[in-house]
Amino acid sequence: MTIRTLGFMKIPLLWACRPKVVEINDEKCVVKIPHRRRTRNHERGLYIAALTVGAELAAGVLAIRTLGYGKGKKFIYKNFHADYLKRAEDDVYFTCYEGTALNELAKQAKETGERQNMSVHVTATVPSKLGDEPVAKFILTLSIKDETGAVDRN
């Protein structure tokens, strides 16, 4: 299932934002949210909701790639912190470089069968206008659980 299909079927705000995974590998995920009429506010910057969608997706797609998807594998966000630094006046790129740490967390969750938490950092940039200068920084506490490999200790 693609991100757009998931958005259309289950998460309408996701569908409205039209996100695109620009790059993904074992270390990082980059998601783009286009600056368009449906995602910008009256000040011509991206809505906070659209910025939140981008941050959540950059971390979430990387978590799904690391943890996998299926029965017994679950993740939720427990906390969300955002620092909005500048107005995002063009397409915004959300980058999460936590792949290696998420891989270790996934191994720990699988071994124990217990919920594991980690703070995941995401940075938002507008390369067309500001280069690598961040427009926002996010910290999301990701909580994962993998019951597929846990050893029964009873």
Protein backbone atom coordinates (compact mmCIF):
# COMPACT_ATOMS: atom_id res chain seq x y z
CA MET A 1 0.00 0.00 0.00
CA THR A 2 1.44 3.39 -0.97
CA ILE A 3 1.39 6.45 1.27
CA ARG A 4 -1.24 8.12 -0.93
CA THR A 5 -3.47 5.04 -0.88
CA LEU A 6 -3.12 4.77 2.89
CA GLY A 7 -3.99 8.46 3.18
CA PHE A 8 -7.03 8.18 0.93
CA MET A 9 -8.35 5.07 2.68
CA LYS A 10 -7.49 5.74 6.33
CA ILE A 11 -5.98 9.19 6.97
CA PRO A 12 -7.61 11.99 4.91
CA LEU A 13 -5.18 14.69 6.11
CA LEU A 14 -2.29 12.59 4.84
CA TRP A 15 -3.96 12.32 1.44
CA ALA A 16 -4.62 16.08 1.32
CA CYS A 17 -0.95 16.90 2.00
CA ARG A 18 0.28 14.74 -0.91
CA PRO A 19 3.54 13.64 0.75
CA LYS A 20 6.29 11.92 -1.21
CA VAL A 21 9.15 9.79 0.07
CA VAL A 22 12.14 11.34 -1.70
CA GLU A 23 14.84 9.08 -0.26
CA ILE A 24 14.97 6.16 2.11
CA ASN A 25 17.79 3.86 3.16
CA ASP A 26 18.98 2.09 6.31
CA GLU A 27 20.17 5.35 7.86
CA LYS A 28 17.71 8.06 6.82
CA CYS A 29 14.34 8.96 5.36
CA VAL A 30 13.48 12.17 3.50
CA VAL A 31 9.83 13.10 2.95
CA LYS A 32 8.60 16.07 0.90
CA ILE A 33 5.36 17.96 1.56
CA PRO A 34 4.57 20.24 -1.38
CA HIS A 35 3.71 23.87 -0.74
CA ARG A 36 0.29 24.13 -2.38
CA ARG A 37 -3.07 25.72 -1.75
CA ARG A 38 -4.30 22.94 0.55
CA THR A 39 -1.18 22.92 2.71
CA ARG A 40 -0.48 26.62 3.15
CA ASN A 41 -2.04 29.09 5.55
CA HIS A 42 -3.15 32.70 5.09
CA GLU A 43 0.47 33.87 5.65
CA ARG A 44 1.63 31.65 2.73
CA GLY A 45 3.58 29.34 5.04
CA LEU A 46 2.87 25.65 5.55
CA TYR A 47 0.11 24.85 8.05
CA ILE A 48 1.28 23.43 11.36
CA ALA A 49 -0.78 20.33 10.57
CA ALA A 50 1.10 19.80 7.29
CA LEU A 51 4.44 20.29 9.08
CA THR A 52 3.37 17.73 11.68
CA VAL A 53 2.38 15.24 8.96
CA GLY A 54 5.83 15.56 7.38
CA ALA A 55 7.67 15.03 10.67
CA GLU A 56 5.49 12.08 11.61
CA LEU A 57 5.97 10.45 8.21
CA ALA A 58 9.75 10.87 8.09
CA ALA A 59 10.07 9.11 11.45
CA GLY A 60 7.24 6.63 10.82
CA VAL A 61 8.33 5.44 7.39
CA LEU A 62 11.84 4.85 8.73
CA ALA A 63 10.38 2.96 11.71
CA ILE A 64 8.25 0.76 9.43
CA ARG A 65 11.26 0.04 7.24
CA THR A 66 13.29 -0.93 10.31
CA LEU A 67 10.63 -2.74 12.36
CA GLY A 68 8.65 -4.17 9.49
CA TYR A 69 4.90 -4.22 9.28
CA GLY A 70 2.53 -6.93 10.31
CA LYS A 71 0.87 -8.82 13.11
CA GLY A 72 2.61 -8.36 16.44
CA LYS A 73 4.59 -5.31 15.29
CA LYS A 74 3.26 -2.00 16.56
CA PHE A 75 4.44 1.56 16.96
CA ILE A 76 2.88 4.73 18.29
CA TYR A 77 4.05 8.22 19.13
CA LYS A 78 4.04 9.02 22.84
CA ASN A 79 5.27 12.59 22.69
CA PHE A 80 5.77 15.37 20.16
CA HIS A 81 7.86 18.52 20.49
CA ALA A 82 8.32 21.12 17.76
CA ASP A 83 10.41 24.26 17.37
CA TYR A 84 9.22 26.40 14.47
CA LEU A 85 12.15 28.57 13.41
CA LYS A 86 11.14 30.20 10.11
CA ARG A 87 8.14 30.35 7.81
CA ALA A 88 8.13 27.49 5.27
CA GLU A 89 7.28 29.26 1.99
CA ASP A 90 8.01 26.47 -0.50
CA ASP A 91 8.17 22.66 -0.63
CA VAL A 92 9.40 21.33 2.73
CA TYR A 93 11.76 18.37 3.13
CA PHE A 94 11.66 16.42 6.40
CA THR A 95 14.77 14.39 7.20
CA CYS A 96 15.23 11.76 9.89
CA TYR A 97 18.72 10.27 10.39
CA GLU A 98 17.81 7.76 13.11
CA GLY A 99 17.90 4.52 11.08
CA THR A 100 20.82 2.90 12.93
CA ALA A 101 19.40 3.72 16.37
CA LEU A 102 15.93 2.52 15.32
CA ASN A 103 17.45 -0.75 14.14
CA GLU A 104 19.00 -1.31 17.59
CA LEU A 105 15.70 -0.40 19.25
CA ALA A 106 13.83 -2.86 17.00
CA LYS A 107 16.26 -5.65 17.95
CA GLN A 108 15.76 -4.89 21.64
CA ALA A 109 11.96 -4.85 21.23
CA LYS A 110 12.01 -8.19 19.41
CA GLU A 111 14.26 -9.82 22.02
CA THR A 112 12.24 -8.66 25.02
CA GLY A 113 8.73 -8.45 23.60
CA GLU A 114 8.38 -5.30 25.70
CA ARG A 115 7.55 -1.80 24.51
CA GLN A 116 10.70 0.26 23.85
CA ASN A 117 10.83 4.08 23.62
CA MET A 118 13.19 6.40 21.78
CA SER A 119 13.33 10.10 20.96
CA VAL A 120 13.55 10.55 17.20
CA HIS A 121 14.78 13.83 15.69
CA VAL A 122 13.41 15.24 12.42
CA THR A 123 14.58 18.42 10.71
CA ALA A 124 12.49 20.38 8.19
CA THR A 125 14.21 22.42 5.48
CA VAL A 126 13.18 24.44 2.43
CA PRO A 127 16.18 23.92 0.10
CA SER A 128 14.83 26.12 -2.70
CA LYS A 129 14.78 29.22 -0.46
CA LEU A 130 16.98 28.56 2.58
CA GLY A 131 19.34 25.73 1.60
CA ASP A 132 20.14 23.50 4.59
CA GLU A 133 18.95 26.02 7.18
CA PRO A 134 16.14 24.42 9.23
CA VAL A 135 12.66 25.93 9.28
CA ALA A 136 11.57 23.57 12.06
CA LYS A 137 12.99 20.89 14.34
CA PHE A 138 10.94 18.08 15.82
CA ILE A 139 11.47 15.49 18.54
CA LEU A 140 9.00 12.61 18.53
CA THR A 141 9.06 9.88 21.16
CA LEU A 142 8.49 6.68 19.26
CA SER A 143 7.26 3.65 21.18
CA ILE A 144 7.63 0.28 19.46
CA LYS A 145 6.63 -3.25 20.37
CA ASP A 146 7.48 -6.46 18.55
CA GLU A 147 5.83 -9.58 19.93
CA THR A 148 6.97 -11.85 17.09
CA GLY A 149 10.33 -12.88 18.55
CA ALA A 150 9.80 -12.64 22.29
CA VAL A 151 10.69 -15.65 24.39
CA ASP A 152 7.97 -16.80 26.79
CA ARG A 153 9.52 -16.47 30.25
CA ASN A 154 6.71 -18.24 32.17
